[in-house]
All heavy atoms as atom14 arrays in JSON, in Angstrom:
{
  "sequence": "PAAIARFAIEGDRVVGGALAFPCEQHIGGRLVSSGAVASVCVAPE",
  "atom14_mask": [
    [1, 1, 1, 1, 1, 1, 1, 0, 0, 0, 0, 0, 0, 0],
    [1, 1, 1, 1, 1, 0, 0, 0, 0, 0, 0, 0, 0, 0],
    [1, 1, 1, 1, 1, 0, 0, 0, 0, 0, 0, 0, 0, 0],
    [1, 1, 1, 1, 1, 1, 1, 1, 0, 0, 0, 0, 0, 0],
    [1, 1, 1, 1, 1, 0, 0, 0, 0, 0, 0, 0, 0, 0],
    [1, 1, 1, 1, 1, 1, 1, 1, 1, 1, 1, 0, 0, 0],
    [1, 1, 1, 1, 1, 1, 1, 1, 1, 1, 1, 0, 0, 0],
    [1, 1, 1, 1, 1, 0, 0, 0, 0, 0, 0, 0, 0, 0],
    [1, 1, 1, 1, 1, 1, 1, 1, 0, 0, 0, 0, 0, 0],
    [1, 1, 1, 1, 1, 1, 1, 1, 1, 0, 0, 0, 0, 0],
    [1, 1, 1, 1, 0, 0, 0, 0, 0, 0, 0, 0, 0, 0],
    [1, 1, 1, 1, 1, 1, 1, 1, 0, 0, 0, 0, 0, 0],
    [1, 1, 1, 1, 1, 1, 1, 1, 1, 1, 1, 0, 0, 0],
    [1, 1, 1, 1, 1, 1, 1, 0, 0, 0, 0, 0, 0, 0],
    [1, 1, 1, 1, 1, 1, 1, 0, 0, 0, 0, 0, 0, 0],
    [1, 1, 1, 1, 0, 0, 0, 0, 0, 0, 0, 0, 0, 0],
    [1, 1, 1, 1, 0, 0, 0, 0, 0, 0, 0, 0, 0, 0],
    [1, 1, 1, 1, 1, 0, 0, 0, 0, 0, 0, 0, 0, 0],
    [1, 1, 1, 1, 1, 1, 1, 1, 0, 0, 0, 0, 0, 0],
    [1, 1, 1, 1, 1, 0, 0, 0, 0, 0, 0, 0, 0, 0],
    [1, 1, 1, 1, 1, 1, 1, 1, 1, 1, 1, 0, 0, 0],
    [1, 1, 1, 1, 1, 1, 1, 0, 0, 0, 0, 0, 0, 0],
    [1, 1, 1, 1, 1, 1, 0, 0, 0, 0, 0, 0, 0, 0],
    [1, 1, 1, 1, 1, 1, 1, 1, 1, 0, 0, 0, 0, 0],
    [1, 1, 1, 1, 1, 1, 1, 1, 1, 0, 0, 0, 0, 0],
    [1, 1, 1, 1, 1, 1, 1, 1, 1, 1, 0, 0, 0, 0],
    [1, 1, 1, 1, 1, 1, 1, 1, 0, 0, 0, 0, 0, 0],
    [1, 1, 1, 1, 0, 0, 0, 0, 0, 0, 0, 0, 0, 0],
    [1, 1, 1, 1, 0, 0, 0, 0, 0, 0, 0, 0, 0, 0],
    [1, 1, 1, 1, 1, 1, 1, 1, 1, 1, 1, 0, 0, 0],
    [1, 1, 1, 1, 1, 1, 1, 1, 0, 0, 0, 0, 0, 0],
    [1, 1, 1, 1, 1, 1, 1, 0, 0, 0, 0, 0, 0, 0],
    [1, 1, 1, 1, 1, 1, 0, 0, 0, 0, 0, 0, 0, 0],
    [1, 1, 1, 1, 1, 1, 0, 0, 0, 0, 0, 0, 0, 0],
    [1, 1, 1, 1, 0, 0, 0, 0, 0, 0, 0, 0, 0, 0],
    [1, 1, 1, 1, 1, 0, 0, 0, 0, 0, 0, 0, 0, 0],
    [1, 1, 1, 1, 1, 1, 1, 0, 0, 0, 0, 0, 0, 0],
    [1, 1, 1, 1, 1, 0, 0, 0, 0, 0, 0, 0, 0, 0],
    [1, 1, 1, 1, 1, 1, 0, 0, 0, 0, 0, 0, 0, 0],
    [1, 1, 1, 1, 1, 1, 1, 0, 0, 0, 0, 0, 0, 0],
    [1, 1, 1, 1, 1, 1, 0, 0, 0, 0, 0, 0, 0, 0],
    [1, 1, 1, 1, 1, 1, 1, 0, 0, 0, 0, 0, 0, 0],
    [1, 1, 1, 1, 1, 0, 0, 0, 0, 0, 0, 0, 0, 0],
    [1, 1, 1, 1, 1, 1, 1, 0, 0, 0, 0, 0, 0, 0],
    [1, 1, 1, 1, 1, 1, 1, 1, 1, 0, 0, 0, 0, 0]
  ],
  "atom14_positions": [
    [[-231.98, 117.65, -179.91], [-231.05, 116.83, -180.65], [-231.63, 115.83, -181.51], [-231.08, 115.36, -182.62], [-230.23, 116.07, -179.56], [-230.3, 117.05, -178.33], [-231.74, 117.61, -178.42], [0.0, 0.0, 0.0], [0.0, 0.0, 0.0], [0.0, 0.0, 0.0], [0.0, 0.0, 0.0], [0.0, 0.0, 0.0], [0.0, 0.0, 0.0], [0.0, 0.0, 0.0]],
    [[-232.9, 115.43, -181.2], [-233.62, 114.31, -182.04], [-234.42, 114.98, -183.07], [-235.06, 114.12, -183.87], [-234.41, 113.45, -181.16], [0.0, 0.0, 0.0], [0.0, 0.0, 0.0], [0.0, 0.0, 0.0], [0.0, 0.0, 0.0], [0.0, 0.0, 0.0], [0.0, 0.0, 0.0], [0.0, 0.0, 0.0], [0.0, 0.0, 0.0], [0.0, 0.0, 0.0]],
    [[-234.76, 116.22, -183.01], [-235.88, 116.8, -183.83], [-235.45, 117.22, -185.25], [-234.39, 117.6, -185.53], [-236.45, 118.01, -183.15], [0.0, 0.0, 0.0], [0.0, 0.0, 0.0], [0.0, 0.0, 0.0], [0.0, 0.0, 0.0], [0.0, 0.0, 0.0], [0.0, 0.0, 0.0], [0.0, 0.0, 0.0], [0.0, 0.0, 0.0], [0.0, 0.0, 0.0]],
    [[-236.4, 116.92, -186.17], [-236.37, 117.6, -187.45], [-237.13, 118.8, -187.28], [-238.33, 118.84, -186.97], [-237.02, 116.65, -188.6], [-236.35, 115.32, -188.74], [-237.08, 117.41, -189.86], [-237.15, 114.34, -189.5], [0.0, 0.0, 0.0], [0.0, 0.0, 0.0], [0.0, 0.0, 0.0], [0.0, 0.0, 0.0], [0.0, 0.0, 0.0], [0.0, 0.0, 0.0]],
    [[-236.46, 119.95, -187.42], [-237.05, 121.23, -187.22], [-237.35, 122.0, -188.56], [-236.45, 122.12, -189.37], [-236.26, 122.03, -186.26], [0.0, 0.0, 0.0], [0.0, 0.0, 0.0], [0.0, 0.0, 0.0], [0.0, 0.0, 0.0], [0.0, 0.0, 0.0], [0.0, 0.0, 0.0], [0.0, 0.0, 0.0], [0.0, 0.0, 0.0], [0.0, 0.0, 0.0]],
    [[-238.4, 122.74, -188.56], [-238.74, 123.79, -189.6], [-239.25, 125.02, -188.94], [-240.21, 125.02, -188.25], [-239.71, 123.21, -190.66], [-239.02, 122.17, -191.55], [-237.89, 122.67, -192.41], [-237.32, 121.77, -193.23], [-236.38, 120.89, -192.99], [-235.72, 121.01, -191.79], [-235.74, 120.09, -193.84], [0.0, 0.0, 0.0], [0.0, 0.0, 0.0], [0.0, 0.0, 0.0]],
    [[-238.53, 126.24, -189.3], [-238.96, 127.42, -188.76], [-239.47, 128.49, -189.82], [-238.76, 128.53, -190.75], [-237.79, 128.0, -187.82], [-237.34, 127.32, -186.61], [-236.22, 127.58, -185.92], [-238.25, 126.37, -186.07], [-235.77, 126.82, -184.91], [-237.87, 125.7, -184.95], [-236.71, 125.9, -184.33], [0.0, 0.0, 0.0], [0.0, 0.0, 0.0], [0.0, 0.0, 0.0]],
    [[-240.5, 129.12, -189.53], [-240.85, 130.26, -190.48], [-240.16, 131.6, -189.91], [-240.27, 131.86, -188.73], [-242.33, 130.38, -190.43], [0.0, 0.0, 0.0], [0.0, 0.0, 0.0], [0.0, 0.0, 0.0], [0.0, 0.0, 0.0], [0.0, 0.0, 0.0], [0.0, 0.0, 0.0], [0.0, 0.0, 0.0], [0.0, 0.0, 0.0], [0.0, 0.0, 0.0]],
    [[-239.58, 132.16, -190.9], [-238.7, 133.36, -190.47], [-239.23, 134.59, -191.24], [-239.21, 134.54, -192.45], [-237.26, 133.17, -190.7], [-236.79, 131.95, -189.89], [-236.4, 134.27, -190.27], [-235.5, 131.3, -190.18], [0.0, 0.0, 0.0], [0.0, 0.0, 0.0], [0.0, 0.0, 0.0], [0.0, 0.0, 0.0], [0.0, 0.0, 0.0], [0.0, 0.0, 0.0]],
    [[-239.5, 135.67, -190.63], [-239.92, 136.95, -191.25], [-238.76, 137.97, -190.88], [-238.62, 138.24, -189.65], [-241.2, 137.4, -190.78], [-241.67, 138.72, -191.31], [-242.2, 138.43, -192.77], [-242.42, 137.44, -193.2], [-242.24, 139.53, -193.59], [0.0, 0.0, 0.0], [0.0, 0.0, 0.0], [0.0, 0.0, 0.0], [0.0, 0.0, 0.0], [0.0, 0.0, 0.0]],
    [[-237.98, 138.4, -191.8], [-236.93, 139.22, -191.51], [-235.77, 138.3, -190.73], [-235.25, 137.5, -191.19], [0.0, 0.0, 0.0], [0.0, 0.0, 0.0], [0.0, 0.0, 0.0], [0.0, 0.0, 0.0], [0.0, 0.0, 0.0], [0.0, 0.0, 0.0], [0.0, 0.0, 0.0], [0.0, 0.0, 0.0], [0.0, 0.0, 0.0], [0.0, 0.0, 0.0]],
    [[-235.58, 138.89, -189.5], [-234.59, 138.21, -188.67], [-235.29, 137.52, -187.45], [-234.72, 137.11, -186.5], [-233.41, 139.01, -188.15], [-234.03, 140.21, -187.34], [-235.26, 140.36, -187.26], [-233.17, 140.83, -186.78], [0.0, 0.0, 0.0], [0.0, 0.0, 0.0], [0.0, 0.0, 0.0], [0.0, 0.0, 0.0], [0.0, 0.0, 0.0], [0.0, 0.0, 0.0]],
    [[-236.71, 137.36, -187.58], [-237.45, 136.77, -186.45], [-238.16, 135.54, -186.83], [-238.76, 135.45, -187.92], [-238.6, 137.89, -186.07], [-239.33, 137.44, -184.9], [-240.51, 138.4, -184.68], [-241.47, 137.92, -183.78], [-242.72, 138.32, -183.7], [-243.15, 139.35, -184.45], [-243.58, 137.81, -182.72], [0.0, 0.0, 0.0], [0.0, 0.0, 0.0], [0.0, 0.0, 0.0]],
    [[-238.09, 134.5, -185.9], [-238.83, 133.23, -186.02], [-240.32, 133.7, -185.67], [-240.54, 134.26, -184.51], [-238.38, 132.18, -185.12], [-239.32, 131.01, -185.14], [-236.91, 131.87, -185.64], [0.0, 0.0, 0.0], [0.0, 0.0, 0.0], [0.0, 0.0, 0.0], [0.0, 0.0, 0.0], [0.0, 0.0, 0.0], [0.0, 0.0, 0.0], [0.0, 0.0, 0.0]],
    [[-241.28, 133.32, -186.55], [-242.65, 133.62, -186.27], [-243.59, 132.32, -186.28], [-244.68, 132.32, -185.94], [-243.36, 134.55, -187.37], [-242.51, 135.8, -187.48], [-243.17, 133.85, -188.8], [0.0, 0.0, 0.0], [0.0, 0.0, 0.0], [0.0, 0.0, 0.0], [0.0, 0.0, 0.0], [0.0, 0.0, 0.0], [0.0, 0.0, 0.0], [0.0, 0.0, 0.0]],
    [[-242.92, 131.17, -186.35], [-243.61, 129.98, -186.3], [-242.72, 128.8, -186.52], [-241.63, 128.93, -186.91], [0.0, 0.0, 0.0], [0.0, 0.0, 0.0], [0.0, 0.0, 0.0], [0.0, 0.0, 0.0], [0.0, 0.0, 0.0], [0.0, 0.0, 0.0], [0.0, 0.0, 0.0], [0.0, 0.0, 0.0], [0.0, 0.0, 0.0], [0.0, 0.0, 0.0]],
    [[-243.17, 127.56, -186.29], [-242.44, 126.44, -186.5], [-243.12, 125.12, -186.2], [-244.27, 125.11, -185.75], [0.0, 0.0, 0.0], [0.0, 0.0, 0.0], [0.0, 0.0, 0.0], [0.0, 0.0, 0.0], [0.0, 0.0, 0.0], [0.0, 0.0, 0.0], [0.0, 0.0, 0.0], [0.0, 0.0, 0.0], [0.0, 0.0, 0.0], [0.0, 0.0, 0.0]],
    [[-242.31, 124.06, -186.43], [-242.89, 122.71, -186.09], [-241.69, 121.6, -186.08], [-240.67, 121.93, -186.67], [-243.87, 122.25, -187.18], [0.0, 0.0, 0.0], [0.0, 0.0, 0.0], [0.0, 0.0, 0.0], [0.0, 0.0, 0.0], [0.0, 0.0, 0.0], [0.0, 0.0, 0.0], [0.0, 0.0, 0.0], [0.0, 0.0, 0.0], [0.0, 0.0, 0.0]],
    [[-241.92, 120.66, -185.26], [-241.05, 119.59, -185.12], [-241.5, 118.24, -185.46], [-242.69, 117.97, -185.41], [-240.54, 119.57, -183.6], [-240.06, 120.89, -182.92], [-239.67, 120.57, -181.51], [-238.84, 121.55, -183.69], [0.0, 0.0, 0.0], [0.0, 0.0, 0.0], [0.0, 0.0, 0.0], [0.0, 0.0, 0.0], [0.0, 0.0, 0.0], [0.0, 0.0, 0.0]],
    [[-240.59, 117.38, -185.99], [-240.95, 115.97, -186.17], [-239.82, 115.08, -185.6], [-238.71, 115.46, -185.66], [-241.22, 115.62, -187.63], [0.0, 0.0, 0.0], [0.0, 0.0, 0.0], [0.0, 0.0, 0.0], [0.0, 0.0, 0.0], [0.0, 0.0, 0.0], [0.0, 0.0, 0.0], [0.0, 0.0, 0.0], [0.0, 0.0, 0.0], [0.0, 0.0, 0.0]],
    [[-240.23, 114.02, -184.99], [-239.32, 113.05, -184.38], [-239.27, 111.79, -185.1], [-240.14, 111.13, -185.02], [-239.54, 112.9, -182.94], [-239.78, 114.27, -182.21], [-240.9, 114.73, -181.88], [-238.59, 115.04, -181.87], [-241.12, 115.94, -181.21], [-238.72, 116.21, -181.25], [-239.92, 116.71, -180.87], [0.0, 0.0, 0.0], [0.0, 0.0, 0.0], [0.0, 0.0, 0.0]],
    [[-238.14, 111.28, -185.71], [-238.11, 110.01, -186.38], [-238.31, 108.98, -185.2], [-237.61, 109.06, -184.2], [-236.7, 110.01, -187.0], [-236.4, 111.35, -187.2], [-236.94, 112.19, -185.98], [0.0, 0.0, 0.0], [0.0, 0.0, 0.0], [0.0, 0.0, 0.0], [0.0, 0.0, 0.0], [0.0, 0.0, 0.0], [0.0, 0.0, 0.0], [0.0, 0.0, 0.0]],
    [[-239.08, 108.04, -185.51], [-239.35, 107.06, -184.5], [-239.91, 105.8, -185.26], [-239.9, 105.66, -186.39], [-240.36, 107.45, -183.42], [-241.87, 107.93, -184.01], [0.0, 0.0, 0.0], [0.0, 0.0, 0.0], [0.0, 0.0, 0.0], [0.0, 0.0, 0.0], [0.0, 0.0, 0.0], [0.0, 0.0, 0.0], [0.0, 0.0, 0.0], [0.0, 0.0, 0.0]],
    [[-240.32, 104.77, -184.39], [-241.05, 103.64, -184.94], [-242.46, 103.47, -184.36], [-242.57, 103.84, -183.16], [-240.11, 102.35, -184.68], [-238.81, 102.35, -185.51], [-238.05, 101.0, -185.33], [-237.76, 100.8, -183.99], [-237.67, 100.32, -186.21], [0.0, 0.0, 0.0], [0.0, 0.0, 0.0], [0.0, 0.0, 0.0], [0.0, 0.0, 0.0], [0.0, 0.0, 0.0]],
    [[-243.26, 103.02, -185.23], [-244.75, 102.92, -184.68], [-245.24, 101.54, -184.87], [-245.05, 100.93, -185.93], [-245.53, 103.88, -185.55], [-246.96, 104.23, -184.9], [-247.59, 105.41, -185.61], [-247.13, 106.01, -186.5], [-248.81, 105.73, -185.05], [0.0, 0.0, 0.0], [0.0, 0.0, 0.0], [0.0, 0.0, 0.0], [0.0, 0.0, 0.0], [0.0, 0.0, 0.0]],
    [[-245.93, 100.98, -183.81], [-246.49, 99.64, -183.94], [-247.69, 99.65, -184.87], [-248.83, 100.25, -184.51], [-246.88, 99.17, -182.45], [-245.7, 99.01, -181.74], [-244.98, 97.74, -181.7], [-245.14, 99.74, -180.62], [-243.95, 97.92, -180.79], [-244.07, 99.1, -180.16], [0.0, 0.0, 0.0], [0.0, 0.0, 0.0], [0.0, 0.0, 0.0], [0.0, 0.0, 0.0]],
    [[-247.63, 98.95, -185.93], [-248.78, 98.84, -186.86], [-248.85, 97.34, -187.22], [-247.91, 96.67, -187.85], [-248.49, 99.7, -188.24], [-248.35, 101.15, -187.86], [-249.74, 99.47, -189.08], [-249.58, 101.87, -187.26], [0.0, 0.0, 0.0], [0.0, 0.0, 0.0], [0.0, 0.0, 0.0], [0.0, 0.0, 0.0], [0.0, 0.0, 0.0], [0.0, 0.0, 0.0]],
    [[-249.98, 96.69, -186.91], [-250.22, 95.32, -187.3], [-249.18, 94.4, -186.58], [-248.88, 93.37, -187.11], [0.0, 0.0, 0.0], [0.0, 0.0, 0.0], [0.0, 0.0, 0.0], [0.0, 0.0, 0.0], [0.0, 0.0, 0.0], [0.0, 0.0, 0.0], [0.0, 0.0, 0.0], [0.0, 0.0, 0.0], [0.0, 0.0, 0.0], [0.0, 0.0, 0.0]],
    [[-248.7, 94.83, -185.37], [-247.77, 93.9, -184.64], [-246.22, 94.09, -185.21], [-245.4, 93.35, -184.6], [0.0, 0.0, 0.0], [0.0, 0.0, 0.0], [0.0, 0.0, 0.0], [0.0, 0.0, 0.0], [0.0, 0.0, 0.0], [0.0, 0.0, 0.0], [0.0, 0.0, 0.0], [0.0, 0.0, 0.0], [0.0, 0.0, 0.0], [0.0, 0.0, 0.0]],
    [[-245.92, 94.97, -186.08], [-244.63, 95.26, -186.39], [-244.26, 96.69, -186.29], [-245.24, 97.55, -186.23], [-244.41, 94.72, -187.86], [-244.44, 93.33, -188.14], [-244.32, 92.86, -189.45], [-243.24, 93.3, -190.23], [-242.88, 93.14, -191.49], [-243.84, 92.54, -192.26], [-241.75, 93.55, -191.97], [0.0, 0.0, 0.0], [0.0, 0.0, 0.0], [0.0, 0.0, 0.0]],
    [[-243.05, 97.07, -186.34], [-242.62, 98.4, -186.27], [-242.44, 98.97, -187.67], [-241.75, 98.54, -188.49], [-241.29, 98.56, -185.47], [-241.4, 98.2, -183.91], [-240.05, 98.09, -183.25], [-242.23, 99.31, -183.35], [0.0, 0.0, 0.0], [0.0, 0.0, 0.0], [0.0, 0.0, 0.0], [0.0, 0.0, 0.0], [0.0, 0.0, 0.0], [0.0, 0.0, 0.0]],
    [[-243.1, 100.17, -187.82], [-242.96, 100.91, -188.98], [-242.32, 102.34, -188.83], [-242.7, 102.95, -187.88], [-244.37, 101.03, -189.62], [-244.32, 101.96, -191.01], [-245.09, 99.81, -189.74], [0.0, 0.0, 0.0], [0.0, 0.0, 0.0], [0.0, 0.0, 0.0], [0.0, 0.0, 0.0], [0.0, 0.0, 0.0], [0.0, 0.0, 0.0], [0.0, 0.0, 0.0]],
    [[-241.47, 102.81, -189.74], [-240.8, 104.03, -189.53], [-241.85, 105.16, -189.64], [-242.6, 105.24, -190.47], [-239.7, 104.18, -190.54], [-240.27, 104.12, -191.86], [0.0, 0.0, 0.0], [0.0, 0.0, 0.0], [0.0, 0.0, 0.0], [0.0, 0.0, 0.0], [0.0, 0.0, 0.0], [0.0, 0.0, 0.0], [0.0, 0.0, 0.0], [0.0, 0.0, 0.0]],
    [[-241.76, 106.04, -188.68], [-242.69, 107.19, -188.57], [-242.11, 108.49, -188.09], [-241.05, 108.51, -187.49], [-243.84, 106.74, -187.69], [-244.82, 107.75, -187.73], [0.0, 0.0, 0.0], [0.0, 0.0, 0.0], [0.0, 0.0, 0.0], [0.0, 0.0, 0.0], [0.0, 0.0, 0.0], [0.0, 0.0, 0.0], [0.0, 0.0, 0.0], [0.0, 0.0, 0.0]],
    [[-242.7, 109.54, -188.41], [-242.3, 110.8, -188.03], [-243.42, 111.45, -187.1], [-244.56, 111.73, -187.54], [0.0, 0.0, 0.0], [0.0, 0.0, 0.0], [0.0, 0.0, 0.0], [0.0, 0.0, 0.0], [0.0, 0.0, 0.0], [0.0, 0.0, 0.0], [0.0, 0.0, 0.0], [0.0, 0.0, 0.0], [0.0, 0.0, 0.0], [0.0, 0.0, 0.0]],
    [[-243.11, 111.53, -185.75], [-244.15, 112.07, -184.81], [-243.98, 113.56, -184.81], [-243.01, 114.18, -184.51], [-243.76, 111.53, -183.49], [0.0, 0.0, 0.0], [0.0, 0.0, 0.0], [0.0, 0.0, 0.0], [0.0, 0.0, 0.0], [0.0, 0.0, 0.0], [0.0, 0.0, 0.0], [0.0, 0.0, 0.0], [0.0, 0.0, 0.0], [0.0, 0.0, 0.0]],
    [[-245.11, 114.11, -185.23], [-245.23, 115.74, -185.35], [-245.58, 116.43, -184.13], [-246.57, 115.8, -183.36], [-246.11, 116.07, -186.58], [-246.21, 117.63, -186.56], [-245.6, 115.6, -187.88], [0.0, 0.0, 0.0], [0.0, 0.0, 0.0], [0.0, 0.0, 0.0], [0.0, 0.0, 0.0], [0.0, 0.0, 0.0], [0.0, 0.0, 0.0], [0.0, 0.0, 0.0]],
    [[-244.88, 117.36, -183.66], [-245.29, 118.06, -182.39], [-244.84, 119.53, -182.47], [-244.09, 119.9, -183.4], [-244.53, 117.39, -181.26], [0.0, 0.0, 0.0], [0.0, 0.0, 0.0], [0.0, 0.0, 0.0], [0.0, 0.0, 0.0], [0.0, 0.0, 0.0], [0.0, 0.0, 0.0], [0.0, 0.0, 0.0], [0.0, 0.0, 0.0], [0.0, 0.0, 0.0]],
    [[-245.36, 120.23, -181.53], [-245.01, 121.61, -181.39], [-245.14, 122.47, -182.6], [-244.5, 123.46, -182.86], [-243.5, 121.83, -180.87], [-243.33, 121.11, -179.75], [0.0, 0.0, 0.0], [0.0, 0.0, 0.0], [0.0, 0.0, 0.0], [0.0, 0.0, 0.0], [0.0, 0.0, 0.0], [0.0, 0.0, 0.0], [0.0, 0.0, 0.0], [0.0, 0.0, 0.0]],
    [[-246.35, 122.3, -183.31], [-246.69, 123.22, -184.4], [-247.27, 124.42, -183.84], [-248.35, 124.35, -183.15], [-247.74, 122.48, -185.4], [-248.08, 123.35, -186.51], [-247.24, 121.1, -185.84], [0.0, 0.0, 0.0], [0.0, 0.0, 0.0], [0.0, 0.0, 0.0], [0.0, 0.0, 0.0], [0.0, 0.0, 0.0], [0.0, 0.0, 0.0], [0.0, 0.0, 0.0]],
    [[-246.66, 125.49, -184.08], [-247.06, 126.76, -183.48], [-246.67, 128.04, -184.27], [-245.68, 127.99, -185.08], [-246.4, 126.95, -182.08], [-244.69, 126.86, -182.01], [0.0, 0.0, 0.0], [0.0, 0.0, 0.0], [0.0, 0.0, 0.0], [0.0, 0.0, 0.0], [0.0, 0.0, 0.0], [0.0, 0.0, 0.0], [0.0, 0.0, 0.0], [0.0, 0.0, 0.0]],
    [[-247.61, 129.06, -184.12], [-247.28, 130.34, -184.91], [-247.63, 131.43, -183.9], [-248.53, 131.39, -183.13], [-248.32, 130.45, -186.12], [-248.17, 131.69, -186.79], [-248.17, 129.2, -187.03], [0.0, 0.0, 0.0], [0.0, 0.0, 0.0], [0.0, 0.0, 0.0], [0.0, 0.0, 0.0], [0.0, 0.0, 0.0], [0.0, 0.0, 0.0], [0.0, 0.0, 0.0]],
    [[-246.73, 132.46, -183.99], [-246.94, 133.64, -183.23], [-248.33, 134.18, -183.43], [-248.81, 134.26, -184.59], [-245.9, 134.69, -183.46], [0.0, 0.0, 0.0], [0.0, 0.0, 0.0], [0.0, 0.0, 0.0], [0.0, 0.0, 0.0], [0.0, 0.0, 0.0], [0.0, 0.0, 0.0], [0.0, 0.0, 0.0], [0.0, 0.0, 0.0], [0.0, 0.0, 0.0]],
    [[-249.02, 134.67, -182.38], [-250.47, 135.12, -182.52], [-250.79, 136.07, -183.65], [-251.62, 136.06, -184.46], [-250.78, 135.66, -181.19], [-249.97, 134.96, -180.22], [-248.64, 134.77, -180.94], [0.0, 0.0, 0.0], [0.0, 0.0, 0.0], [0.0, 0.0, 0.0], [0.0, 0.0, 0.0], [0.0, 0.0, 0.0], [0.0, 0.0, 0.0], [0.0, 0.0, 0.0]],
    [[-249.78, 137.03, -183.75], [-250.09, 138.17, -184.77], [-249.78, 137.64, -186.24], [-249.98, 138.35, -187.18], [-249.07, 139.38, -184.49], [-247.57, 138.96, -184.54], [-246.97, 138.53, -183.32], [-247.69, 137.81, -182.45], [-245.8, 138.77, -182.94], [0.0, 0.0, 0.0], [0.0, 0.0, 0.0], [0.0, 0.0, 0.0], [0.0, 0.0, 0.0], [0.0, 0.0, 0.0]]
  ]
}
């Protein structure tokens, strides 16, 4: 529900993808808007 998702699709099949999560990150004692990237993956073939 929280993810920005992008999927690579070949034909009707997902062959890879990645997620990013909008959040805030502590930088210099203040909160800065950030996107935490995770689950970057591609099918082996």
